[in-house]
Every structure is written in C-alpha cells, then in structure tokens.
Amino acid sequence: MKRNRVGFNYALAGLKTAIKQEFNIRIHLSILMIVFFMGWMAEVSLTEWAIIVVVSGVVLTVELINTVIEYVTDVLFPNYDQLAKQIKDISAAAVLISSITAFTVGLLILLPKFWEIIS
C-alpha cells in the first residue's frame, strides 16, 4: 500500500510542477474552469458531463505528455537542432488537435443549450 501512495505522491508532485512552471497547463485549466461553469449554467446532462470530462482529460494528458517531450528534447539536444524542432512541433500539433477536438465537442454540447436559453 505504501508503494502506491509513493507513486501517487510523485504524480501529484509532477502535476504541481507542471502547473507551476508551464503556462499552457494553466491556460488549459482556466479554460476548463470556464467550461465547467458554462456546463453548470446550461444544465448539461450526465452523459454530456462525461463527454466533457473525457475530452478535457485528453487535452490535459496530451499537454502533460507534450511538456515531457519538450523537456527530454531539451536534454538530448542542448543546442539548436532541426530534428529537435520537428519533435517539438509534432508534439505541439498533438496538443492542438486534442484542443480543437475538445473545443468542437464543447460547441456541440453547449451551443444548442445557450441558443435555447437566449431564444
């Protein structure tokens, strides 16, 4: 049991480090808070909440993986290198795709509800 707690503590330490040091993580978390507030205001269904939570989790996970890839790339390539640039660009593209997907899901769920409210 202690071993599991230690692993969990490392995970929390990593999350704390990412939030503290990575601007993009803070941006994603801020947007997530806004989306959660909008979902609460729009009274989304349990299924819609599940979808929002899953796509939000994917975005945050991909952003964390992107951060790790950037750190490892910086260690492996201390000087500018074209391959390092490509690694970082492709990793960032994964974040972009997951973010666009989450944004689209958010629009599909929230836009009709807010349209109904203002109509």
N, C-alpha and C. Protein backbone atom coordinates (compact mmCIF):
# COMPACT_ATOMS: atom_id res chain seq x y z
N MET A 1 0.82 -1.20 0.00
CA MET A 1 0.00 0.00 0.00
C MET A 1 0.87 1.27 0.00
N LYS A 2 1.95 1.23 0.76
CA LYS A 2 2.83 2.40 0.83
C LYS A 2 3.42 2.71 -0.54
N ARG A 3 3.77 1.68 -1.30
CA ARG A 3 4.35 1.90 -2.63
C ARG A 3 3.37 2.64 -3.53
N ASN A 4 2.09 2.31 -3.43
CA ASN A 4 1.09 3.01 -4.24
C ASN A 4 0.98 4.47 -3.85
N ARG A 5 1.06 4.76 -2.54
CA ARG A 5 1.00 6.15 -2.09
C ARG A 5 2.20 6.93 -2.58
N VAL A 6 3.36 6.31 -2.60
CA VAL A 6 4.56 6.99 -3.07
C VAL A 6 4.40 7.36 -4.54
N GLY A 7 3.92 6.43 -5.36
CA GLY A 7 3.69 6.71 -6.77
C GLY A 7 2.69 7.83 -6.97
N PHE A 8 1.63 7.81 -6.15
CA PHE A 8 0.63 8.86 -6.22
C PHE A 8 1.24 10.21 -5.82
N ASN A 9 2.11 10.20 -4.81
CA ASN A 9 2.78 11.43 -4.40
C ASN A 9 3.67 11.98 -5.51
N TYR A 10 4.36 11.09 -6.23
CA TYR A 10 5.18 11.53 -7.36
C TYR A 10 4.30 12.15 -8.44
N ALA A 11 3.16 11.53 -8.69
CA ALA A 11 2.24 12.06 -9.71
C ALA A 11 1.73 13.44 -9.31
N LEU A 12 1.36 13.61 -8.05
CA LEU A 12 0.90 14.93 -7.59
C LEU A 12 2.02 15.96 -7.65
N ALA A 13 3.24 15.54 -7.33
CA ALA A 13 4.39 16.45 -7.42
C ALA A 13 4.61 16.87 -8.87
N GLY A 14 4.47 15.93 -9.79
CA GLY A 14 4.62 16.25 -11.21
C GLY A 14 3.55 17.20 -11.70
N LEU A 15 2.31 16.98 -11.26
CA LEU A 15 1.22 17.87 -11.64
C LEU A 15 1.45 19.27 -11.07
N LYS A 16 1.89 19.33 -9.82
CA LYS A 16 2.17 20.62 -9.19
C LYS A 16 3.28 21.35 -9.95
N THR A 17 4.33 20.62 -10.32
CA THR A 17 5.43 21.22 -11.08
C THR A 17 4.93 21.75 -12.42
N ALA A 18 4.13 20.96 -13.11
CA ALA A 18 3.62 21.38 -14.42
C ALA A 18 2.76 22.64 -14.29
N ILE A 19 1.89 22.67 -13.29
CA ILE A 19 1.03 23.84 -13.10
C ILE A 19 1.86 25.07 -12.77
N LYS A 20 2.88 24.88 -11.97
CA LYS A 20 3.72 25.99 -11.54
C LYS A 20 4.60 26.53 -12.68
N GLN A 21 5.14 25.62 -13.50
CA GLN A 21 6.15 26.01 -14.48
C GLN A 21 5.63 26.17 -15.91
N GLU A 22 4.50 25.58 -16.22
CA GLU A 22 4.04 25.57 -17.61
C GLU A 22 2.81 26.44 -17.81
N PHE A 23 2.99 27.52 -18.53
CA PHE A 23 1.91 28.48 -18.79
C PHE A 23 0.73 27.81 -19.49
N ASN A 24 1.01 26.95 -20.48
CA ASN A 24 -0.07 26.33 -21.24
C ASN A 24 -0.97 25.44 -20.39
N ILE A 25 -0.41 24.78 -19.40
CA ILE A 25 -1.23 23.97 -18.49
C ILE A 25 -2.20 24.89 -17.74
N ARG A 26 -1.71 26.02 -17.29
CA ARG A 26 -2.58 26.97 -16.58
C ARG A 26 -3.67 27.52 -17.50
N ILE A 27 -3.32 27.75 -18.75
CA ILE A 27 -4.34 28.20 -19.73
C ILE A 27 -5.42 27.12 -19.89
N HIS A 28 -5.00 25.88 -20.10
CA HIS A 28 -5.97 24.78 -20.27
C HIS A 28 -6.84 24.64 -19.02
N LEU A 29 -6.27 24.73 -17.85
CA LEU A 29 -7.04 24.61 -16.60
C LEU A 29 -8.02 25.78 -16.45
N SER A 30 -7.61 26.97 -16.85
CA SER A 30 -8.50 28.13 -16.79
C SER A 30 -9.69 27.96 -17.73
N ILE A 31 -9.41 27.51 -18.93
CA ILE A 31 -10.48 27.25 -19.90
C ILE A 31 -11.40 26.16 -19.37
N LEU A 32 -10.82 25.14 -18.76
CA LEU A 32 -11.62 24.05 -18.20
C LEU A 32 -12.58 24.56 -17.12
N MET A 33 -12.12 25.47 -16.28
CA MET A 33 -13.00 26.04 -15.24
C MET A 33 -14.16 26.81 -15.88
N ILE A 34 -13.86 27.54 -16.94
CA ILE A 34 -14.92 28.27 -17.66
C ILE A 34 -15.92 27.29 -18.27
N VAL A 35 -15.43 26.24 -18.88
CA VAL A 35 -16.30 25.23 -19.49
C VAL A 35 -17.17 24.56 -18.43
N PHE A 36 -16.57 24.22 -17.29
CA PHE A 36 -17.35 23.61 -16.20
C PHE A 36 -18.44 24.57 -15.72
N PHE A 37 -18.12 25.86 -15.59
CA PHE A 37 -19.12 26.83 -15.19
C PHE A 37 -20.23 26.92 -16.23
N MET A 38 -19.84 26.97 -17.51
CA MET A 38 -20.84 27.05 -18.58
C MET A 38 -21.71 25.79 -18.60
N GLY A 39 -21.10 24.63 -18.38
CA GLY A 39 -21.87 23.39 -18.33
C GLY A 39 -22.86 23.38 -17.19
N TRP A 40 -22.43 23.91 -16.04
CA TRP A 40 -23.32 24.01 -14.89
C TRP A 40 -24.48 24.96 -15.20
N MET A 41 -24.16 26.11 -15.81
CA MET A 41 -25.20 27.08 -16.17
C MET A 41 -26.18 26.50 -17.19
N ALA A 42 -25.67 25.71 -18.11
CA ALA A 42 -26.51 25.16 -19.18
C ALA A 42 -27.22 23.87 -18.76
N GLU A 43 -26.93 23.42 -17.54
CA GLU A 43 -27.56 22.20 -17.01
C GLU A 43 -27.38 21.01 -17.96
N VAL A 44 -26.12 20.74 -18.32
CA VAL A 44 -25.85 19.63 -19.22
C VAL A 44 -26.17 18.30 -18.53
N SER A 45 -26.48 17.31 -19.33
CA SER A 45 -26.85 16.00 -18.80
C SER A 45 -25.63 15.26 -18.27
N LEU A 46 -25.88 14.18 -17.58
CA LEU A 46 -24.80 13.36 -17.05
C LEU A 46 -23.93 12.82 -18.18
N THR A 47 -24.53 12.40 -19.25
CA THR A 47 -23.78 11.91 -20.41
C THR A 47 -22.91 13.02 -21.01
N GLU A 48 -23.49 14.20 -21.12
CA GLU A 48 -22.72 15.33 -21.65
C GLU A 48 -21.56 15.69 -20.73
N TRP A 49 -21.79 15.63 -19.40
CA TRP A 49 -20.70 15.87 -18.45
C TRP A 49 -19.59 14.85 -18.66
N ALA A 50 -19.98 13.60 -18.83
CA ALA A 50 -18.97 12.54 -19.03
C ALA A 50 -18.13 12.84 -20.27
N ILE A 51 -18.78 13.27 -21.33
CA ILE A 51 -18.06 13.58 -22.57
C ILE A 51 -17.12 14.77 -22.35
N ILE A 52 -17.60 15.79 -21.68
CA ILE A 52 -16.77 16.97 -21.39
C ILE A 52 -15.56 16.59 -20.54
N VAL A 53 -15.78 15.77 -19.52
CA VAL A 53 -14.68 15.35 -18.65
C VAL A 53 -13.65 14.53 -19.43
N VAL A 54 -14.12 13.63 -20.28
CA VAL A 54 -13.19 12.78 -21.04
C VAL A 54 -12.35 13.61 -22.00
N VAL A 55 -12.98 14.48 -22.78
CA VAL A 55 -12.19 15.26 -23.75
C VAL A 55 -11.27 16.24 -23.03
N SER A 56 -11.72 16.77 -21.89
CA SER A 56 -10.86 17.66 -21.11
C SER A 56 -9.65 16.91 -20.56
N GLY A 57 -9.90 15.70 -20.08
CA GLY A 57 -8.81 14.86 -19.58
C GLY A 57 -7.81 14.53 -20.67
N VAL A 58 -8.31 14.30 -21.88
CA VAL A 58 -7.42 14.01 -23.00
C VAL A 58 -6.52 15.22 -23.29
N VAL A 59 -7.12 16.41 -23.32
CA VAL A 59 -6.33 17.62 -23.59
C VAL A 59 -5.24 17.82 -22.53
N LEU A 60 -5.62 17.69 -21.26
CA LEU A 60 -4.63 17.88 -20.20
C LEU A 60 -3.54 16.81 -20.25
N THR A 61 -3.93 15.57 -20.54
CA THR A 61 -2.95 14.49 -20.64
C THR A 61 -1.98 14.73 -21.81
N VAL A 62 -2.51 15.10 -22.95
CA VAL A 62 -1.66 15.36 -24.12
C VAL A 62 -0.74 16.55 -23.84
N GLU A 63 -1.24 17.56 -23.15
CA GLU A 63 -0.39 18.71 -22.80
C GLU A 63 0.73 18.29 -21.86
N LEU A 64 0.44 17.44 -20.89
CA LEU A 64 1.49 16.95 -19.99
C LEU A 64 2.52 16.11 -20.74
N ILE A 65 2.06 15.26 -21.64
CA ILE A 65 2.99 14.46 -22.44
C ILE A 65 3.84 15.37 -23.32
N ASN A 66 3.22 16.38 -23.91
CA ASN A 66 3.96 17.35 -24.72
C ASN A 66 5.05 18.03 -23.89
N THR A 67 4.73 18.38 -22.66
CA THR A 67 5.70 19.02 -21.78
C THR A 67 6.89 18.09 -21.52
N VAL A 68 6.61 16.84 -21.25
CA VAL A 68 7.69 15.87 -21.02
C VAL A 68 8.55 15.73 -22.28
N ILE A 69 7.91 15.64 -23.43
CA ILE A 69 8.66 15.52 -24.68
C ILE A 69 9.56 16.75 -24.88
N GLU A 70 9.04 17.93 -24.56
CA GLU A 70 9.86 19.14 -24.68
C GLU A 70 11.06 19.09 -23.73
N TYR A 71 10.83 18.68 -22.48
CA TYR A 71 11.93 18.59 -21.52
C TYR A 71 12.99 17.60 -21.97
N VAL A 72 12.57 16.41 -22.39
CA VAL A 72 13.52 15.38 -22.82
C VAL A 72 14.27 15.85 -24.06
N THR A 73 13.57 16.50 -24.97
CA THR A 73 14.22 17.01 -26.18
C THR A 73 15.27 18.06 -25.83
N ASP A 74 14.96 18.91 -24.88
CA ASP A 74 15.94 19.92 -24.45
C ASP A 74 17.19 19.29 -23.85
N VAL A 75 17.01 18.18 -23.13
CA VAL A 75 18.16 17.48 -22.54
C VAL A 75 18.98 16.79 -23.63
N LEU A 76 18.31 16.14 -24.56
CA LEU A 76 19.01 15.39 -25.61
C LEU A 76 19.65 16.30 -26.65
N PHE A 77 19.06 17.48 -26.86
CA PHE A 77 19.57 18.42 -27.86
C PHE A 77 19.80 19.78 -27.20
N PRO A 78 20.91 19.95 -26.48
CA PRO A 78 21.14 21.21 -25.77
C PRO A 78 21.32 22.41 -26.71
N ASN A 79 21.76 22.16 -27.93
CA ASN A 79 21.89 23.22 -28.93
C ASN A 79 20.78 23.07 -29.96
N TYR A 80 20.56 24.14 -30.72
CA TYR A 80 19.51 24.08 -31.73
C TYR A 80 19.77 22.91 -32.68
N ASP A 81 18.72 22.18 -32.98
CA ASP A 81 18.81 21.05 -33.89
C ASP A 81 17.49 20.95 -34.63
N GLN A 82 17.54 20.74 -35.93
CA GLN A 82 16.33 20.66 -36.75
C GLN A 82 15.44 19.49 -36.32
N LEU A 83 16.04 18.37 -35.98
CA LEU A 83 15.25 17.22 -35.53
C LEU A 83 14.53 17.54 -34.21
N ALA A 84 15.20 18.22 -33.30
CA ALA A 84 14.58 18.63 -32.03
C ALA A 84 13.38 19.54 -32.30
N LYS A 85 13.54 20.45 -33.26
CA LYS A 85 12.44 21.33 -33.63
C LYS A 85 11.26 20.54 -34.15
N GLN A 86 11.53 19.57 -35.01
CA GLN A 86 10.45 18.74 -35.57
C GLN A 86 9.74 17.93 -34.47
N ILE A 87 10.52 17.38 -33.53
CA ILE A 87 9.95 16.63 -32.42
C ILE A 87 8.99 17.53 -31.63
N LYS A 88 9.43 18.72 -31.29
CA LYS A 88 8.60 19.64 -30.52
C LYS A 88 7.39 20.11 -31.31
N ASP A 89 7.57 20.37 -32.61
CA ASP A 89 6.44 20.81 -33.44
C ASP A 89 5.36 19.74 -33.54
N ILE A 90 5.78 18.51 -33.75
CA ILE A 90 4.82 17.41 -33.87
C ILE A 90 4.10 17.18 -32.54
N SER A 91 4.85 17.26 -31.45
CA SER A 91 4.25 17.11 -30.13
C SER A 91 3.23 18.22 -29.87
N ALA A 92 3.57 19.44 -30.24
CA ALA A 92 2.65 20.57 -30.09
C ALA A 92 1.41 20.39 -30.97
N ALA A 93 1.60 19.79 -32.14
CA ALA A 93 0.47 19.53 -33.03
C ALA A 93 -0.54 18.58 -32.38
N ALA A 94 -0.05 17.62 -31.61
CA ALA A 94 -0.95 16.71 -30.90
C ALA A 94 -1.81 17.47 -29.90
N VAL A 95 -1.22 18.44 -29.22
CA VAL A 95 -1.98 19.28 -28.29
C VAL A 95 -3.02 20.10 -29.05
N LEU A 96 -2.60 20.65 -30.18
CA LEU A 96 -3.52 21.45 -30.99
C LEU A 96 -4.72 20.62 -31.43
N ILE A 97 -4.47 19.42 -31.93
CA ILE A 97 -5.56 18.57 -32.40
C ILE A 97 -6.51 18.20 -31.25
N SER A 98 -5.94 17.83 -30.10
CA SER A 98 -6.81 17.48 -28.97
C SER A 98 -7.60 18.70 -28.50
N SER A 99 -6.99 19.87 -28.53
CA SER A 99 -7.69 21.10 -28.11
C SER A 99 -8.81 21.46 -29.08
N ILE A 100 -8.55 21.35 -30.37
CA ILE A 100 -9.59 21.63 -31.37
C ILE A 100 -10.74 20.64 -31.22
N THR A 101 -10.41 19.39 -30.97
CA THR A 101 -11.44 18.37 -30.78
C THR A 101 -12.29 18.71 -29.55
N ALA A 102 -11.65 19.06 -28.45
CA ALA A 102 -12.38 19.41 -27.22
C ALA A 102 -13.24 20.66 -27.44
N PHE A 103 -12.70 21.63 -28.14
CA PHE A 103 -13.45 22.85 -28.44
C PHE A 103 -14.70 22.52 -29.25
N THR A 104 -14.54 21.67 -30.25
CA THR A 104 -15.66 21.26 -31.10
C THR A 104 -16.72 20.53 -30.28
N VAL A 105 -16.28 19.62 -29.42
CA VAL A 105 -17.21 18.90 -28.55
C VAL A 105 -17.95 19.89 -27.65
N GLY A 106 -17.20 20.84 -27.09
CA GLY A 106 -17.82 21.86 -26.25
C GLY A 106 -18.88 22.65 -27.00
N LEU A 107 -18.57 23.04 -28.22
CA LEU A 107 -19.56 23.76 -29.03
C LEU A 107 -20.79 22.91 -29.30
N LEU A 108 -20.57 21.65 -29.65
CA LEU A 108 -21.70 20.75 -29.96
C LEU A 108 -22.61 20.55 -28.76
N ILE A 109 -22.03 20.55 -27.57
CA ILE A 109 -22.84 20.35 -26.37
C ILE A 109 -23.44 21.65 -25.86
N LEU A 110 -22.64 22.70 -25.79
CA LEU A 110 -23.07 23.93 -25.13
C LEU A 110 -23.82 24.91 -26.03
N LEU A 111 -23.43 25.01 -27.29
CA LEU A 111 -24.05 26.00 -28.17
C LEU A 111 -25.58 25.82 -28.28
N PRO A 112 -26.08 24.62 -28.54
CA PRO A 112 -27.55 24.48 -28.62
C PRO A 112 -28.24 24.85 -27.30
N LYS A 113 -27.62 24.55 -26.17
CA LYS A 113 -28.23 24.85 -24.88
C LYS A 113 -28.29 26.36 -24.65
N PHE A 114 -27.20 27.07 -24.97
CA PHE A 114 -27.23 28.52 -24.81
C PHE A 114 -28.11 29.20 -25.85
N TRP A 115 -28.17 28.61 -27.01
CA TRP A 115 -29.07 29.13 -28.05
C TRP A 115 -30.53 29.04 -27.58
N GLU A 116 -30.85 27.94 -26.94
CA GLU A 116 -32.19 27.72 -26.38
C GLU A 116 -32.48 28.73 -25.26
N ILE A 117 -31.48 29.00 -24.44
CA ILE A 117 -31.65 29.94 -23.33
C ILE A 117 -31.92 31.36 -23.83
N ILE A 118 -31.17 31.78 -24.86
CA ILE A 118 -31.33 33.16 -25.34
C ILE A 118 -32.49 33.32 -26.31
N SER A 119 -33.04 32.23 -26.81
CA SER A 119 -34.17 32.32 -27.74
C SER A 119 -35.49 32.50 -27.02
